[in-house]
Protein backbone atom coordinates (compact mmCIF):
# COMPACT_ATOMS: atom_id res chain seq x y z
CA UNK A 1 72.60 -3.76 -15.59
CA UNK A 2 69.89 -4.06 -17.94
CA UNK A 3 67.51 -1.22 -18.55
CA UNK A 4 63.91 -1.50 -17.04
CA UNK A 5 61.06 0.10 -18.62
CA UNK A 6 57.73 0.61 -16.61
CA UNK A 7 55.04 1.40 -19.39
CA UNK A 8 51.22 1.98 -19.60
CA UNK A 9 51.48 3.22 -15.76
CA UNK A 10 50.03 6.19 -14.13
CA UNK A 11 53.23 8.15 -13.03
CA UNK A 12 52.71 10.13 -10.23
CA UNK A 13 54.98 13.43 -11.15
CA UNK A 14 56.30 16.56 -9.23
CA UNK A 15 52.94 18.33 -9.07
CA UNK A 16 51.27 16.14 -11.66
CA UNK A 17 49.88 12.98 -12.78
CA UNK A 18 50.31 11.54 -16.09
CA UNK A 19 50.09 8.28 -18.27
CA UNK A 20 53.13 7.15 -19.52
CA UNK A 21 56.44 5.03 -19.08
CA UNK A 22 59.62 5.48 -17.30
CA UNK A 23 62.99 3.78 -18.26
CA UNK A 24 65.54 3.18 -15.09
CA UNK A 25 69.27 2.74 -16.17
CA UNK A 26 72.11 2.31 -14.02
CA UNK A 27 70.55 2.65 -10.75
CA UNK A 28 68.70 6.07 -12.04
CA UNK A 29 65.63 7.14 -14.03
CA UNK A 30 66.87 7.63 -17.38
CA UNK A 31 63.63 8.73 -19.43
CA UNK A 32 60.21 9.73 -19.29
CA UNK A 33 57.79 9.38 -21.69
CA UNK A 34 53.91 10.08 -21.78
CA UNK A 35 51.26 7.73 -23.36
CA UNK A 36 50.08 4.17 -23.01
CA UNK A 37 52.85 2.65 -25.28
CA UNK A 38 53.90 -0.60 -24.26
CA UNK A 39 57.34 -0.82 -26.21
CA UNK A 40 59.00 -4.47 -26.67
CA UNK A 41 60.51 -5.69 -23.40
CA UNK A 42 58.67 -3.39 -21.20
CA UNK A 43 56.87 -4.00 -18.10
CA UNK A 44 52.81 -3.48 -19.12
CA UNK A 45 51.75 -2.03 -15.36
CA UNK A 46 48.12 -2.01 -16.68
CA UNK A 47 47.26 1.50 -15.48
CA UNK A 48 49.10 0.93 -12.29
CA UNK A 49 50.59 3.97 -10.36
CA UNK A 50 54.20 4.55 -10.46
CA UNK A 51 55.24 6.40 -8.09
CA UNK A 52 58.68 7.28 -6.11
CA UNK A 53 59.57 5.11 -2.97
CA UNK A 54 58.69 6.02 0.32
CA UNK A 55 60.72 7.94 2.45
CA UNK A 56 60.08 7.33 6.27
CA UNK A 57 61.60 9.74 8.68
CA UNK A 58 60.57 8.43 12.27
CA UNK A 59 59.76 4.88 12.56
CA UNK A 60 59.45 2.76 15.77
CA UNK A 61 59.50 -0.49 13.70
CA UNK A 62 62.94 -1.56 14.19
CA UNK A 63 62.40 -1.39 17.94
CA UNK A 64 59.16 -3.62 17.56
CA UNK A 65 61.02 -6.29 15.86
CA UNK A 66 64.09 -6.25 18.48
CA UNK A 67 61.29 -6.94 20.97
CA UNK A 68 58.47 -8.35 19.83
CA UNK A 69 57.38 -8.99 23.39
CA UNK A 70 58.04 -7.35 26.63
CA UNK A 71 61.42 -8.50 28.31
CA UNK A 72 61.89 -10.57 25.06
CA UNK A 73 65.50 -9.40 23.22
CA UNK A 74 64.83 -11.05 19.51
CA UNK A 75 68.11 -11.96 17.60
CA UNK A 76 69.14 -8.38 16.43
CA UNK A 77 70.44 -9.62 13.02
CA UNK A 78 67.42 -11.30 12.25
CA UNK A 79 65.03 -8.50 13.36
CA UNK A 80 66.99 -5.69 11.31
CA UNK A 81 66.92 -8.28 8.34
CA UNK A 82 62.77 -8.77 8.73
CA UNK A 83 62.48 -5.03 9.65
CA UNK A 84 64.11 -4.33 6.09
CA UNK A 85 61.64 -6.49 4.18
CA UNK A 86 58.63 -5.41 5.83
CA UNK A 87 59.27 -1.62 4.73
CA UNK A 88 60.28 -2.58 1.23
CA UNK A 89 57.26 -5.16 0.95
CA UNK A 90 55.09 -1.52 1.68
CA UNK A 91 56.83 0.65 -0.43
CA UNK A 92 59.13 2.27 1.64
CA UNK A 93 62.60 2.64 0.17
CA UNK A 94 64.71 4.83 2.41
CA UNK A 95 64.14 5.07 6.29
CA UNK A 96 65.35 6.58 8.76
CA UNK A 97 65.33 4.18 11.69
CA UNK A 98 64.59 5.70 15.08
CA UNK A 99 66.85 5.00 18.01
CA UNK A 100 66.47 6.36 21.53
CA UNK A 101 69.44 7.73 22.89
CA UNK A 102 69.18 8.80 26.86
CA UNK A 103 68.33 6.13 29.49
CA UNK A 104 67.13 6.06 32.78
CA UNK A 105 69.18 2.74 34.23
CA UNK A 106 67.87 3.47 38.01
CA UNK A 107 64.17 2.74 39.75
CA UNK A 108 61.50 0.43 38.85
CA UNK A 109 60.79 2.33 35.55
CA UNK A 110 63.94 2.12 34.62
CA UNK A 111 65.39 1.40 30.75
CA UNK A 112 68.91 0.78 29.48
CA UNK A 113 70.97 2.12 26.75
CA UNK A 114 70.86 0.21 23.33
CA UNK A 115 71.19 2.63 20.38
CA UNK A 116 75.32 2.26 19.89
CA UNK A 117 74.95 -1.54 19.50
CA UNK A 118 72.12 -2.02 17.43
CA UNK A 119 73.11 0.73 15.00
CA UNK A 120 76.88 -1.09 14.73
CA UNK A 121 74.86 -4.24 14.02
CA UNK A 122 72.52 -2.44 11.20
CA UNK A 123 75.51 -0.41 9.59
CA UNK A 124 77.54 -3.55 9.32
CA UNK A 125 74.29 -5.57 7.70
CA UNK A 126 74.54 -2.66 5.28
CA UNK A 127 78.18 -2.91 4.43
CA UNK A 128 77.57 -6.64 3.77
CA UNK A 129 74.72 -5.63 1.18
CA UNK A 130 72.16 -7.79 3.54
CA UNK A 131 69.70 -5.05 3.37
CA UNK A 132 66.71 -4.20 0.10
CA UNK A 133 66.58 -0.64 1.27
CA UNK A 134 68.14 2.88 2.38
CA UNK A 135 68.92 2.88 5.83
CA UNK A 136 69.73 5.95 8.07
CA UNK A 137 69.80 6.75 11.82
CA UNK A 138 66.96 9.04 13.55
CA UNK A 139 68.57 9.38 17.06
CA UNK A 140 65.56 10.18 19.40
CA UNK A 141 67.58 12.07 22.34
CA UNK A 142 65.73 12.09 25.20
CA UNK A 143 66.32 15.27 27.39
CA UNK A 144 64.56 13.61 30.61
CA UNK A 145 66.97 10.76 30.90
CA UNK A 146 70.31 10.23 32.92
CA UNK A 147 72.98 9.28 30.27
CA UNK A 148 71.89 11.57 27.17
CA UNK A 149 75.62 13.04 26.53
CA UNK A 150 77.66 10.00 27.10
CA UNK A 151 75.50 8.11 24.71
CA UNK A 152 75.31 10.84 21.81
CA UNK A 153 79.13 10.94 22.08
CA UNK A 154 79.25 7.24 21.06
CA UNK A 155 78.18 8.46 17.65
CA UNK A 156 80.04 10.05 14.79
CA UNK A 157 79.64 11.28 11.24
CA UNK A 158 80.73 7.91 9.97
CA UNK A 159 77.12 6.58 11.18
CA UNK A 160 75.06 7.86 8.96
CA UNK A 161 73.03 10.04 11.34
CA UNK A 162 70.56 11.99 9.42
CA UNK A 163 68.21 12.90 11.98
CA UNK A 164 68.24 14.09 15.67
CA UNK A 165 65.06 14.90 17.45
CA UNK A 166 64.73 16.55 20.72
CA UNK A 167 62.37 14.38 22.92
CA UNK A 168 60.94 15.63 26.29
CA UNK A 169 58.59 13.36 27.91
CA UNK A 170 58.70 15.35 31.09
CA UNK A 171 55.07 14.55 32.20
CA UNK A 172 52.61 17.39 32.73
CA UNK A 173 53.95 19.19 29.01
CA UNK A 174 53.78 18.42 25.52
CA UNK A 175 52.81 14.62 24.48
CA UNK A 176 51.91 14.29 28.23
CA UNK A 177 49.76 17.13 28.89
CA UNK A 178 47.18 14.85 30.31
CA UNK A 179 48.82 12.93 32.85
CA UNK A 180 45.83 10.63 32.77
CA UNK A 181 47.24 9.27 29.58
CA UNK A 182 50.92 8.55 30.78
CA UNK A 183 49.46 6.88 33.84
CA UNK A 184 47.55 4.52 31.89
CA UNK A 185 50.40 3.43 29.66
CA UNK A 186 53.23 3.55 32.27
CA UNK A 187 51.31 1.70 34.93
CA UNK A 188 50.14 -1.19 32.48
CA UNK A 189 53.67 -1.13 31.02
CA UNK A 190 55.55 -1.55 34.16
CA UNK A 191 53.21 -2.56 36.45
CA UNK A 192 53.49 0.04 39.02
CA UNK A 193 51.40 0.80 42.25
CA UNK A 194 49.76 4.67 42.30
CA UNK A 195 52.30 5.49 45.16
CA UNK A 196 55.38 4.20 42.50
CA UNK A 197 53.62 5.99 39.71
CA UNK A 198 53.78 9.29 41.63
CA UNK A 199 57.19 8.58 42.81
CA UNK A 200 58.19 8.09 38.99
CA UNK A 201 56.71 11.36 38.11
CA UNK A 202 58.64 13.31 40.57
CA UNK A 203 61.67 11.77 39.72
CA UNK A 204 61.08 12.36 35.91
CA UNK A 205 60.56 16.00 36.85
CA UNK A 206 63.44 16.52 39.01
CA UNK A 207 65.50 14.99 36.73
CA UNK A 208 64.39 17.41 33.57
CA UNK A 209 65.10 20.52 36.30
CA UNK A 210 68.33 19.17 36.73
CA UNK A 211 69.83 18.06 33.58
CA UNK A 212 67.57 19.22 30.93
CA UNK A 213 68.81 22.18 29.33
CA UNK A 214 72.51 20.63 29.63
CA UNK A 215 71.09 17.93 27.77
CA UNK A 216 69.00 19.90 24.93
CA UNK A 217 72.48 22.14 24.58
CA UNK A 218 74.37 18.80 23.96
CA UNK A 219 71.75 17.23 21.61
CA UNK A 220 72.11 20.42 19.32
CA UNK A 221 75.75 20.44 19.55
CA UNK A 222 76.18 16.50 18.47
CA UNK A 223 73.86 16.76 15.74
CA UNK A 224 76.05 19.63 14.28
CA UNK A 225 79.13 17.11 14.64
CA UNK A 226 77.20 14.61 13.13
CA UNK A 227 75.88 16.59 10.25
CA UNK A 228 72.31 15.54 10.98
CA UNK A 229 69.10 17.57 10.56
CA UNK A 230 67.44 18.77 13.76
CA UNK A 231 63.97 17.73 14.57
CA UNK A 232 61.62 18.85 17.44
CA UNK A 233 58.97 16.73 19.08
CA UNK A 234 55.56 17.35 20.28
CA UNK A 235 55.70 21.31 20.09
CA UNK A 236 52.47 22.48 21.79
CA UNK A 237 52.70 25.76 22.06
CA UNK A 238 54.28 29.17 20.18
CA UNK A 239 57.06 29.33 22.85
CA UNK A 240 58.05 25.77 22.15
CA UNK A 241 58.28 26.41 18.25
CA UNK A 242 60.28 29.81 19.01
CA UNK A 243 62.99 27.59 20.75
CA UNK A 244 62.86 25.06 18.16
CA UNK A 245 63.35 27.89 15.85
CA UNK A 246 66.34 29.33 17.73
CA UNK A 247 67.90 25.81 17.43
CA UNK A 248 67.92 25.91 13.96
CA UNK A 249 65.44 23.27 13.50
CA UNK A 250 63.81 21.97 10.08
CA UNK A 251 61.57 19.48 10.87
CA UNK A 252 58.55 19.35 13.54
CA UNK A 253 57.44 15.89 14.48
CA UNK A 254 53.89 15.44 15.33
CA UNK A 255 52.89 18.90 16.86
CA UNK A 256 50.07 18.53 19.08
CA UNK A 257 48.04 21.80 18.70
CA UNK A 258 46.96 23.92 15.62
CA UNK A 259 48.56 26.92 17.54
CA UNK A 260 52.10 25.05 17.47
CA UNK A 261 51.54 23.80 13.40
CA UNK A 262 50.71 27.51 12.91
CA UNK A 263 54.13 28.93 14.54
CA UNK A 264 55.96 26.29 12.53
CA UNK A 265 54.38 27.46 9.61
CA UNK A 266 55.23 30.76 10.35
CA UNK A 267 58.91 29.94 10.98
CA UNK A 268 59.46 27.60 7.69
CA UNK A 269 59.20 24.50 9.79
CA UNK A 270 58.11 21.48 7.94
CA UNK A 271 55.08 19.91 9.83
CA UNK A 272 55.24 16.24 10.18
CA UNK A 273 52.28 14.21 11.32
CA UNK A 274 51.39 10.55 12.26
CA UNK A 275 49.49 8.29 9.63
CA UNK A 276 47.96 6.34 11.97
CA UNK A 277 46.58 9.59 13.24
CA UNK A 278 44.93 10.41 9.84
CA UNK A 279 43.79 7.10 9.43
CA UNK A 280 41.96 6.43 12.92
CA UNK A 281 40.68 9.91 12.63
CA UNK A 282 42.83 11.36 15.58
CA UNK A 283 45.52 11.25 18.29
CA UNK A 284 45.18 8.73 20.64
CA UNK A 285 47.04 10.89 23.09
CA UNK A 286 43.96 13.56 22.71
CA UNK A 287 46.39 15.88 20.62
CA UNK A 288 45.59 17.61 17.25
CA UNK A 289 43.77 15.45 14.29
CA UNK A 290 46.46 15.19 11.53
CA UNK A 291 42.98 15.58 9.09
CA UNK A 292 42.71 18.96 10.80
CA UNK A 293 45.80 20.27 10.02
CA UNK A 294 45.44 18.61 6.34
CA UNK A 295 42.70 20.65 5.94
CA UNK A 296 44.02 23.66 7.14
CA UNK A 297 46.60 23.29 4.85
CA UNK A 298 49.18 23.08 7.84
CA UNK A 299 50.70 19.15 7.16
CA UNK A 300 54.07 18.67 4.60
CA UNK A 301 55.09 15.22 5.77
CA UNK A 302 53.82 12.05 6.99
CA UNK A 303 55.50 9.45 9.11
CA UNK A 304 54.18 5.76 9.36
CA UNK A 305 55.67 6.02 13.16
CA UNK A 306 54.27 2.60 14.46
CA UNK A 307 52.32 1.07 11.44
CA UNK A 308 54.77 0.69 8.37
CA UNK A 309 51.87 0.13 6.04
CA UNK A 310 50.30 3.32 7.11
CA UNK A 311 52.43 5.53 5.42
CA UNK A 312 51.09 4.46 1.93
CA UNK A 313 47.58 4.49 2.81
CA UNK A 314 47.79 7.80 4.70
CA UNK A 315 49.28 9.67 1.24
CA UNK A 316 46.69 8.31 -0.95
CA UNK A 317 43.73 9.51 1.48
CA UNK A 318 45.50 12.90 1.53
CA UNK A 319 45.03 12.72 -2.32
CA UNK A 320 41.61 12.02 -2.34
CA UNK A 321 41.19 14.65 0.53
CA UNK A 322 43.12 17.36 -1.41
CA UNK A 323 41.52 16.18 -4.64
CA UNK A 324 45.19 16.17 -5.61
CA UNK A 325 46.94 12.71 -5.96
CA UNK A 326 50.43 14.13 -6.82
CA UNK A 327 50.25 16.50 -3.82
CA UNK A 328 49.41 13.61 -1.18
CA UNK A 329 51.95 11.45 -2.63
CA UNK A 330 54.57 14.32 -2.14
CA UNK A 331 53.98 14.12 1.46
CA UNK A 332 55.74 10.80 2.05
CA UNK A 333 58.16 11.02 -0.90
CA UNK A 334 59.51 14.61 -2.18
CA UNK A 335 58.75 16.37 1.00
CA UNK A 336 60.50 14.04 3.31
CA UNK A 337 63.29 13.91 0.68
CA UNK A 338 63.62 17.72 0.90
CA UNK A 339 63.29 18.00 4.94
CA UNK A 340 66.10 15.26 5.36
CA UNK A 341 68.56 16.89 2.54
CA UNK A 342 68.17 13.89 0.22
CA UNK A 343 67.79 16.01 -2.97
CA UNK A 344 68.56 12.54 -5.05
CA UNK A 345 65.33 10.93 -4.46
CA UNK A 346 61.67 11.12 -3.75
CA UNK A 347 60.79 12.43 -7.11
CA UNK A 348 60.56 10.77 -10.48
CA UNK A 349 62.30 12.57 -12.83
CA UNK A 350 65.52 12.20 -14.80
CA UNK A 351 68.98 11.80 -12.76
CA UNK A 352 67.07 10.82 -9.76
CA UNK A 353 67.53 7.59 -8.22
CA UNK A 354 65.65 5.04 -9.62
CA UNK A 355 63.84 3.91 -6.30
CA UNK A 356 59.91 3.60 -7.40
CA UNK A 357 56.90 1.63 -6.10
CA UNK A 358 54.20 0.35 -8.66
CA UNK A 359 50.79 0.60 -6.57
CA UNK A 360 47.37 -0.58 -7.35
CA UNK A 361 44.42 0.33 -5.80
CA UNK A 362 41.92 -2.72 -4.37
CA UNK A 363 38.42 -1.04 -3.29
CA UNK A 364 40.21 2.03 -2.79
CA UNK A 365 43.04 0.64 -0.83
CA UNK A 366 46.78 1.07 -2.10
CA UNK A 367 48.48 -2.12 -2.53
CA UNK A 368 52.28 -2.33 -3.17
CA UNK A 369 52.85 -4.62 -6.18
CA UNK A 370 56.58 -4.30 -6.87
CA UNK A 371 59.42 -2.03 -5.39
CA UNK A 372 62.67 -1.24 -6.93
CA UNK A 373 65.37 0.51 -5.14
CA UNK A 374 68.34 2.00 -7.45
CA UNK A 375 66.68 -0.08 -10.43
CA UNK A 376 66.95 -3.15 -8.67
CA UNK A 377 63.70 -5.11 -7.93
CA UNK A 378 63.32 -5.76 -4.28
CA UNK A 379 60.06 -6.78 -3.51
């Protein structure tokens, strides 16, 4: 592979921003030099930022491509390839594709298993070198379900499961403390009557009481079998975080209160918040604002959640908020790499993977000009 030199760039390094050049060789970062010199054959970046490729730990974007409209099952290979290209185009070079495990195959509000089949298709495309960026799996283990144990048993250490998150969407707690928010969502999505919604809520609560503890224990054990990082989801109280810490959880996805975020910090659990929450100025579910946690120094990692392009925008917003662009960019590069056990990426330093993006700002809005994965330009 021919060396690539990116020169006359604003380099976002660990802990600092400098003007300089970076040389890519054999898929890795070979050398970093300071200054504005443009060597012969180098790419003149014209002052654009060069930063590590973004690392996305939790995104539902693949599901959106698989089902672009309700009840539409799009051809999966096409959907996976389109999803992969979209992420490359917005600067994401490593993704943990979120897939739900744990289904409710009965009742009007039913939903069926899909993760094993979809994961196999994604991994097959990866083996054929059909994908531009690095893909891992993130299994969202829904403890309030009927089939979690069976579905998780279908995966193994060979499946690149990097994260298992413990999800509990039982009405009346965590994300859905305010049942009116759940009511508006579920009744609209599934066309339920008031009586049908009440029966749905009662069924979920009964299911959680009957199976929840067994499912939670199984998910923790399966994560260990896979060699995956454990994450919590929507912790709301200090007691929730105590349970997470006892499970060995290292990553808290979207804690819903300041209390929970503070408890995470006390337990050494990294706090991840959604980029849309930060950009929109608050949570669409009425939970704590990401900006509030950022201002309180309780925010470590950002996820695009349901809008891939939001990841870079939120990181730059945090860089401006903290007056520290290196720190802001670290929330979507070095910090998620460390939290997910990927020390080979997420930073510009000799020996690291040459996963890089070139970013300009247009009236303050960041725009990805180019994306490299292991030194090869992919977008």
